[in-house]
Protein backbone atom coordinates (compact mmCIF):
# COMPACT_ATOMS: atom_id res chain seq x y z
CA MET A 1 2.53 14.63 -22.96
CA LYS A 2 1.33 13.48 -19.55
CA ASP A 3 -2.17 12.87 -18.27
CA PHE A 4 -3.79 12.68 -14.86
CA HIS A 5 -7.20 11.21 -14.24
CA ILE A 6 -9.24 9.86 -11.35
CA ASN A 7 -11.78 7.32 -12.55
CA THR A 8 -12.77 6.04 -9.12
CA GLU A 9 -15.64 7.83 -7.40
CA ILE A 10 -14.82 8.25 -3.70
CA PHE A 11 -17.35 8.32 -0.87
CA PHE A 12 -15.92 9.33 2.51
CA GLY A 13 -16.73 10.88 5.86
CA GLU A 14 -19.22 9.96 8.55
CA ASN A 15 -21.65 7.19 7.58
CA ALA A 16 -19.99 6.72 4.19
CA LEU A 17 -21.14 3.09 4.24
CA ASP A 18 -24.70 4.34 3.70
CA ARG A 19 -23.68 4.58 0.06
CA LEU A 20 -24.44 0.83 -0.11
CA THR A 21 -28.14 1.54 0.40
CA GLN A 22 -28.12 3.58 -2.80
CA LEU A 23 -26.78 0.84 -5.08
CA GLN A 24 -28.98 -0.13 -8.00
CA PHE A 25 -27.91 -3.78 -8.25
CA LYS A 26 -30.08 -6.81 -7.52
CA SER A 27 -27.16 -8.78 -6.07
CA VAL A 28 -23.48 -8.42 -5.16
CA LEU A 29 -20.53 -10.72 -4.51
CA ILE A 30 -18.60 -9.65 -1.40
CA ILE A 31 -14.95 -10.72 -1.44
CA THR A 32 -13.40 -10.48 2.01
CA ASP A 33 -11.29 -12.33 4.55
CA PRO A 34 -12.50 -14.51 7.44
CA PHE A 35 -11.59 -11.89 10.07
CA VAL A 36 -13.98 -9.32 8.60
CA VAL A 37 -16.80 -11.88 8.90
CA ASN A 38 -15.84 -13.41 12.27
CA SER A 39 -15.35 -10.00 13.89
CA GLY A 40 -18.85 -8.96 12.90
CA MET A 41 -17.52 -6.16 10.71
CA ALA A 42 -19.20 -7.63 7.65
CA THR A 43 -22.60 -6.97 9.19
CA LEU A 44 -21.96 -3.24 8.80
CA LEU A 45 -22.23 -3.90 5.08
CA THR A 46 -24.75 -6.71 4.91
CA ALA A 47 -27.26 -4.88 7.15
CA ARG A 48 -27.26 -1.98 4.72
CA LEU A 49 -27.60 -4.30 1.72
CA GLU A 50 -30.52 -6.04 3.39
CA ARG A 51 -32.13 -2.69 4.07
CA ALA A 52 -31.84 -1.93 0.35
CA ARG A 53 -33.11 -5.43 -0.52
CA ILE A 54 -29.93 -6.30 -2.34
CA GLU A 55 -28.99 -9.99 -2.29
CA TYR A 56 -25.39 -10.85 -1.46
CA GLU A 57 -22.99 -13.77 -1.52
CA LEU A 58 -19.86 -13.94 0.62
CA PHE A 59 -16.54 -15.24 -0.70
CA THR A 60 -14.14 -15.39 2.26
CA ASP A 61 -11.28 -17.53 0.96
CA VAL A 62 -8.86 -14.60 1.12
CA VAL A 63 -5.39 -14.81 2.67
CA PRO A 64 -2.43 -12.41 2.86
CA ASP A 65 -0.37 -12.08 -0.32
CA PRO A 66 -3.23 -13.60 -2.37
CA PRO A 67 -1.97 -16.71 -4.13
CA VAL A 68 -3.03 -17.71 -7.61
CA ASP A 69 -5.20 -20.62 -6.45
CA LYS A 70 -7.34 -18.36 -4.23
CA VAL A 71 -7.87 -15.98 -7.12
CA ILE A 72 -8.97 -18.90 -9.29
CA SER A 73 -11.51 -19.91 -6.63
CA GLY A 74 -12.81 -16.34 -6.56
CA VAL A 75 -13.18 -16.30 -10.33
CA ALA A 76 -15.24 -19.49 -10.15
CA ALA A 77 -17.50 -17.89 -7.52
CA ALA A 78 -17.95 -14.77 -9.63
CA LEU A 79 -18.79 -16.68 -12.78
CA SER A 80 -21.19 -19.09 -11.07
CA LYS A 81 -23.92 -16.48 -10.51
CA LYS A 82 -22.53 -13.51 -12.41
CA HIS A 83 -23.38 -10.92 -9.80
CA PRO A 84 -23.45 -7.51 -11.50
CA CYS A 85 -21.36 -6.00 -8.70
CA ILE A 86 -18.26 -7.19 -6.82
CA ILE A 87 -17.37 -5.57 -3.50
CA GLY A 88 -13.85 -6.05 -2.13
CA VAL A 89 -13.77 -5.49 1.64
CA GLY A 90 -10.65 -5.69 3.79
CA GLY A 91 -6.98 -4.85 3.61
CA GLY A 92 -4.87 -4.83 0.49
CA SER A 93 -5.08 -8.60 0.07
CA ALA A 94 -8.89 -8.66 -0.07
CA ILE A 95 -9.10 -5.70 -2.44
CA ASP A 96 -6.31 -7.08 -4.65
CA THR A 97 -8.14 -10.41 -4.76
CA ALA A 98 -11.34 -8.65 -5.83
CA LYS A 99 -9.48 -6.75 -8.54
CA ALA A 100 -7.83 -9.90 -9.87
CA VAL A 101 -11.10 -11.82 -9.74
CA ARG A 102 -12.89 -9.23 -11.85
CA LYS A 103 -9.99 -9.03 -14.31
CA PHE A 104 -9.75 -12.77 -14.95
CA ALA A 105 -13.52 -13.38 -14.79
CA THR A 106 -14.10 -10.85 -17.57
CA GLN A 107 -11.31 -12.39 -19.59
CA MET A 108 -12.96 -15.80 -19.32
CA ASP A 109 -16.41 -14.44 -20.17
CA GLU A 110 -16.38 -11.26 -22.24
CA THR A 111 -20.11 -10.74 -21.65
CA TYR A 112 -19.54 -10.39 -17.91
CA LYS A 113 -18.57 -6.84 -16.84
CA PRO A 114 -19.21 -6.48 -13.10
CA TYR A 115 -19.02 -3.14 -11.30
CA LEU A 116 -16.23 -3.06 -8.68
CA ILE A 117 -16.43 -1.33 -5.30
CA ALA A 118 -13.47 -1.29 -2.90
CA ILE A 119 -13.97 -0.77 0.84
CA PRO A 120 -10.69 -0.74 2.80
CA THR A 121 -10.56 -1.83 6.44
CA THR A 122 -6.96 -0.69 6.93
CA SER A 123 -5.36 2.66 6.21
CA GLY A 124 -2.32 1.81 4.17
CA THR A 125 -2.45 0.22 0.75
CA GLY A 126 -4.45 2.83 -1.19
CA SER A 127 -5.53 -0.14 -3.29
CA GLU A 128 -9.08 1.20 -3.46
CA VAL A 129 -8.01 3.88 -5.98
CA THR A 130 -5.17 2.23 -7.90
CA CYS A 131 -4.86 0.10 -10.99
CA PHE A 132 -2.32 -2.13 -9.24
CA ALA A 133 -2.68 -5.50 -7.54
CA VAL A 134 -0.18 -8.03 -6.27
CA ILE A 135 -0.71 -11.78 -6.40
CA SER A 136 1.78 -14.42 -5.34
CA ASN A 137 3.03 -17.81 -6.37
CA PRO A 138 4.10 -19.57 -3.15
CA ALA A 139 5.74 -22.41 -5.07
CA GLU A 140 8.18 -19.94 -6.63
CA GLY A 141 8.38 -17.65 -3.60
CA ARG A 142 7.54 -14.66 -5.77
CA LYS A 143 5.05 -11.83 -5.94
CA TYR A 144 3.68 -10.61 -9.26
CA PRO A 145 2.59 -6.96 -9.43
CA LEU A 146 -0.24 -6.39 -11.91
CA ALA A 147 -0.69 -2.93 -13.39
CA GLU A 148 -3.64 -2.45 -15.74
CA GLU A 149 -6.34 0.18 -16.06
CA GLU A 150 -9.05 -2.48 -15.84
CA LEU A 151 -7.98 -3.21 -12.24
CA LEU A 152 -9.14 0.23 -11.12
CA PRO A 153 -12.25 0.07 -8.88
CA ASP A 154 -15.30 2.01 -10.02
CA GLU A 155 -15.99 3.22 -6.49
CA ALA A 156 -14.20 3.47 -3.16
CA ILE A 157 -15.94 3.85 0.18
CA LEU A 158 -13.87 5.22 3.06
CA ASP A 159 -15.56 4.88 6.44
CA GLU A 160 -13.42 5.21 9.57
CA VAL A 161 -15.74 2.91 11.52
CA LEU A 162 -14.04 0.03 9.69
CA VAL A 163 -10.57 0.95 10.95
CA LYS A 164 -11.50 1.86 14.52
CA SER A 165 -10.69 -1.63 15.86
CA VAL A 166 -7.46 -2.14 13.89
CA PRO A 167 -4.67 -3.17 16.34
CA ALA A 168 -1.87 -0.71 17.02
CA SER A 169 0.80 -2.86 15.35
CA VAL A 170 -1.23 -3.05 12.12
CA THR A 171 -1.92 0.69 12.29
CA ALA A 172 1.85 1.24 12.52
CA ASP A 173 2.68 -1.02 9.57
CA THR A 174 -0.05 0.34 7.32
CA GLY A 175 0.68 3.92 8.35
CA MET A 176 4.30 3.57 7.28
CA ASP A 177 3.02 2.06 4.05
CA VAL A 178 1.12 5.32 3.48
CA MET A 179 4.28 7.32 4.19
CA THR A 180 6.33 5.16 1.82
CA HIS A 181 3.73 5.39 -0.96
CA ALA A 182 3.66 9.17 -0.71
CA ILE A 183 7.45 9.65 -0.52
CA GLU A 184 8.20 7.25 -3.38
CA ALA A 185 5.51 8.77 -5.59
CA TYR A 186 6.87 12.25 -4.83
CA VAL A 187 10.43 11.45 -6.00
CA SER A 188 9.42 9.04 -8.78
CA THR A 189 10.82 9.83 -12.22
CA ASN A 190 7.22 9.73 -13.43
CA ASN A 191 5.96 12.31 -10.94
CA ASN A 192 3.91 15.34 -11.97
CA GLU A 193 2.36 18.38 -10.33
CA PHE A 194 -0.92 16.59 -9.60
CA SER A 195 0.63 13.48 -8.06
CA GLY A 196 3.04 15.74 -6.18
CA ALA A 197 0.26 17.74 -4.56
CA LEU A 198 -1.49 14.54 -3.44
CA ALA A 199 1.77 13.09 -2.08
CA GLU A 200 2.58 16.26 -0.15
CA LYS A 201 -0.83 16.25 1.51
CA ALA A 202 -0.55 12.56 2.39
CA VAL A 203 2.85 13.19 4.03
CA GLU A 204 1.50 16.22 5.90
CA ILE A 205 -1.47 14.28 7.29
CA SER A 206 0.71 11.29 8.21
CA GLY A 207 3.16 13.53 10.04
CA GLN A 208 0.33 15.01 12.09
CA PHE A 209 -1.88 11.99 12.72
CA LEU A 210 0.01 8.68 12.34
CA ILE A 211 1.33 8.47 15.90
CA ARG A 212 -2.01 9.71 17.24
CA SER A 213 -3.80 7.01 15.26
CA TYR A 214 -1.32 4.40 16.52
CA SER A 215 -1.63 5.53 20.13
CA SER A 216 -5.40 5.20 20.43
CA ASN A 217 -8.06 3.50 18.36
CA GLU A 218 -10.53 5.77 20.13
CA ASP A 219 -9.04 8.77 18.34
CA THR A 220 -11.62 8.67 15.56
CA HIS A 221 -10.45 11.95 14.06
CA ALA A 222 -6.89 10.68 13.65
CA ARG A 223 -8.05 7.39 12.16
CA ARG A 224 -10.31 9.22 9.71
CA LYS A 225 -7.39 11.41 8.66
CA MET A 226 -5.06 8.45 8.11
CA HIS A 227 -7.78 6.67 6.11
CA ILE A 228 -7.93 9.69 3.80
CA ALA A 229 -4.13 10.00 3.68
CA SER A 230 -3.92 6.39 2.52
CA CYS A 231 -6.31 7.17 -0.33
CA LEU A 232 -4.41 10.35 -1.29
CA ALA A 233 -1.13 8.44 -1.39
CA GLY A 234 -2.80 5.77 -3.51
CA LEU A 235 -3.96 8.39 -6.00
CA ALA A 236 -0.42 9.80 -6.08
CA PHE A 237 1.36 6.54 -6.84
CA ASN A 238 -1.37 5.39 -9.20
CA SER A 239 -0.27 8.32 -11.37
CA ALA A 240 3.47 8.48 -10.63
CA SER A 241 4.29 4.86 -9.67
CA LEU A 242 6.76 3.99 -6.92
CA GLY A 243 10.42 3.01 -6.64
CA LEU A 244 13.12 0.69 -5.36
CA ASN A 245 11.71 0.66 -1.82
CA HIS A 246 8.70 -1.31 -3.04
CA GLY A 247 10.78 -3.35 -5.47
CA MET A 248 12.86 -4.63 -2.56
CA ALA A 249 9.99 -4.87 -0.06
CA HIS A 250 8.03 -7.17 -2.36
CA GLN A 251 10.85 -9.73 -2.12
CA LEU A 252 11.02 -9.56 1.68
CA GLY A 253 7.30 -10.22 1.84
CA ALA A 254 7.35 -13.08 -0.64
CA ARG A 255 10.37 -14.84 0.86
CA PHE A 256 10.04 -14.21 4.57
CA HIS A 257 6.40 -13.12 4.97
CA ILE A 258 7.27 -9.78 6.53
CA PRO A 259 4.11 -7.62 6.42
CA HIS A 260 4.35 -5.29 3.45
CA GLY A 261 4.13 -2.02 5.38
CA ARG A 262 6.74 -3.24 7.87
CA ALA A 263 9.13 -4.20 5.09
CA ASN A 264 8.67 -0.75 3.56
CA ALA A 265 9.28 0.91 6.93
CA ILE A 266 12.53 -0.99 7.50
CA LEU A 267 13.82 -0.07 4.05
CA LEU A 268 12.69 3.55 3.77
CA PRO A 269 15.54 5.31 5.65
CA PHE A 270 18.14 3.29 3.74
CA ILE A 271 16.48 3.95 0.38
CA ILE A 272 16.45 7.71 1.00
CA GLU A 273 20.14 7.58 1.88
CA PHE A 274 20.84 5.62 -1.32
CA ASN A 275 18.75 7.82 -3.61
CA SER A 276 20.08 11.08 -2.20
CA GLY A 277 23.68 9.91 -1.95
CA ILE A 278 23.79 11.49 1.49
CA GLY A 279 24.89 9.44 4.49
CA LEU A 280 26.51 10.12 7.83
CA THR A 281 29.86 11.24 6.43
CA ASN A 282 28.84 13.50 3.52
CA ARG A 283 29.70 17.17 3.32
CA SER A 284 27.83 19.90 1.48
CA GLN A 285 28.33 20.00 -2.26
CA LYS A 286 27.47 22.35 -5.08
CA ASP A 287 24.97 20.15 -6.93
CA TYR A 288 22.60 17.42 -5.77
CA PRO A 289 20.32 14.97 -7.59
CA PRO A 290 16.80 16.39 -8.18
CA CYS A 291 15.34 14.01 -5.58
CA VAL A 292 17.33 15.77 -2.83
CA ARG A 293 15.32 18.96 -3.30
CA LYS A 294 12.13 16.92 -3.09
CA TYR A 295 13.20 15.06 0.04
CA CYS A 296 14.13 18.40 1.60
CA ASN A 297 10.67 19.76 0.80
CA LEU A 298 9.06 16.78 2.51
CA ALA A 299 11.33 17.34 5.50
CA ARG A 300 10.03 20.92 5.64
CA ILE A 301 6.43 19.68 5.55
CA LEU A 302 7.22 17.29 8.40
CA GLY A 303 8.91 20.05 10.38
CA VAL A 304 12.42 18.56 10.37
CA SER A 305 14.20 20.74 7.80
CA ASN A 306 17.67 21.83 8.86
CA MET A 307 20.57 24.12 7.90
CA ASN A 308 21.35 22.68 4.47
CA GLU A 309 20.63 19.71 2.22
CA VAL A 310 22.99 17.32 4.01
CA THR A 311 21.70 18.03 7.50
CA THR A 312 18.09 18.08 6.30
CA ILE A 313 18.37 14.65 4.64
CA ARG A 314 19.98 13.30 7.80
CA ALA A 315 17.16 14.81 9.85
CA LEU A 316 14.54 13.22 7.58
CA ILE A 317 16.20 9.82 7.91
CA SER A 318 16.42 10.22 11.69
CA TYR A 319 12.75 11.21 11.81
CA LEU A 320 11.75 8.02 9.97
CA HIS A 321 13.87 5.91 12.34
CA PHE A 322 12.12 7.70 15.21
CA LEU A 323 8.67 6.95 13.77
CA ASN A 324 9.53 3.26 13.48
CA ALA A 325 10.93 3.09 16.99
CA GLU A 326 8.03 5.03 18.49
CA MET A 327 5.55 2.56 17.02
CA GLY A 328 7.53 -0.60 17.77
CA ILE A 329 8.43 -1.37 14.18
CA PRO A 330 11.63 -3.44 13.96
CA SER A 331 14.61 -1.58 12.55
CA LYS A 332 16.16 -4.65 10.93
CA VAL A 333 15.05 -7.89 9.27
CA SER A 334 16.73 -9.92 12.02
CA ASP A 335 14.35 -8.32 14.54
CA ALA A 336 11.32 -8.77 12.29
CA CYS A 337 12.16 -12.46 11.70
CA PRO A 338 13.74 -13.79 14.91
CA ASN A 339 13.61 -17.40 13.66
CA LEU A 340 15.42 -16.59 10.42
CA SER A 341 19.13 -17.39 10.40
CA LYS A 342 21.63 -14.98 8.92
CA GLU A 343 22.91 -17.75 6.66
CA ASP A 344 19.46 -18.41 5.18
CA TYR A 345 18.87 -14.69 4.71
CA GLU A 346 22.19 -14.11 2.97
CA ALA A 347 21.59 -17.13 0.75
CA ALA A 348 18.47 -15.42 -0.60
CA ILE A 349 20.02 -12.01 -1.24
CA ASP A 350 21.29 -12.70 -4.75
CA ALA A 351 17.90 -13.90 -6.03
CA MET A 352 16.05 -11.13 -4.17
CA ALA A 353 18.28 -8.49 -5.77
CA ASP A 354 17.56 -9.88 -9.24
CA ALA A 355 13.82 -9.90 -8.55
CA ALA A 356 13.90 -6.37 -7.10
CA LEU A 357 15.59 -5.05 -10.23
CA ARG A 358 12.93 -6.74 -12.39
CA ASP A 359 10.08 -5.41 -10.27
CA GLY A 360 7.95 -2.86 -12.11
CA CYS A 361 8.12 -0.39 -9.22
CA THR A 362 11.91 -0.11 -9.46
CA ALA A 363 11.73 1.31 -12.99
CA THR A 364 10.72 4.78 -11.74
CA ASN A 365 13.21 5.02 -8.88
CA PRO A 366 15.08 8.38 -9.00
CA ARG A 367 18.46 6.66 -8.92
CA ILE A 368 19.12 3.69 -11.18
CA PRO A 369 20.44 0.88 -8.98
CA ILE A 370 22.83 -1.88 -9.96
CA LYS A 371 22.71 -5.37 -8.50
CA ASN A 372 25.63 -4.98 -6.09
CA GLU A 373 24.04 -1.84 -4.62
CA VAL A 374 20.74 -3.64 -4.03
CA MET A 375 22.55 -6.58 -2.47
CA ASP A 376 24.44 -4.20 -0.18
CA MET A 377 21.17 -2.64 0.98
CA TYR A 378 19.70 -6.03 1.73
CA ARG A 379 22.79 -6.74 3.86
CA LYS A 380 22.49 -3.38 5.65
CA ILE A 381 18.96 -4.08 6.78
CA TRP A 382 19.77 -7.53 8.24
């Protein structure tokens, strides 16, 4: 028996941030990063809280790939005044920090059960509607995915005004993160009809609006659409999980600090080739793995379906390479990390392959990988 549920209430559309004026809390703890404050973006929230006479405290010690020590500091801030509501504002790192803070604060004090609201300022992670978070341990060079129902935010607020000023390069990285979330959820061994419908819609919207959103931050309609696509993809993988693409990308981020969406984008064409078993030299065959039919359906949605399964998979892979190139995303790790030597990269491949196979996302990949295959893919993307 399977189940599908959405426990997060979603507020979206024009002036969605006005939801903050309706909150019934006396005070809130806002967990965000310094950029959100220094850019003045935080005032879009605090002005509304002030209008509603809701007190607030800012915790801004948030950094990319939230390390354990920052989460501990956030827990201390949460427990010091026990605000009845925590609001995570920012990209995936800020929202993941807020999730982890609530989780560990309630574990330390069972009487403390704060309400959690997630407000994304990038269109990519889908973290506002998932029960996943990733924290890191820099000393070990590892990321630790958390997956528990209690991490799920109670509310998500999607307002495109918060993503209007996002730079083009970040829009590209996060947009390809949306695409990867949707594609991996769609072919996951844990997929279902509900997650599939959400993934299909996220892919359709991304195909129509990602390059538009990248090309101009004045294209409010496109940015609104990608903000919604990110949420849809998050709902899809929250139900179906992900795959090897994320299992491998997590290691590239932890070791070499490649932005998560960029790591996903570099890997995605190679992962589809691996999962489908279809490369540049394959011929048509009688039977294909189930994921091939699904990839072909996504190719149809994106408008790149071709004569048969082999040519359609090749067209899909070419389309993804085109998207990356069109938005200036590096095609290889060597381009993404120009100061990284090939020797240092290859020295890390063995340990990265082990970690990728242990990663919780890899468990639902449509093709079961072995270590040598993962190592080969890491070499291919150099």
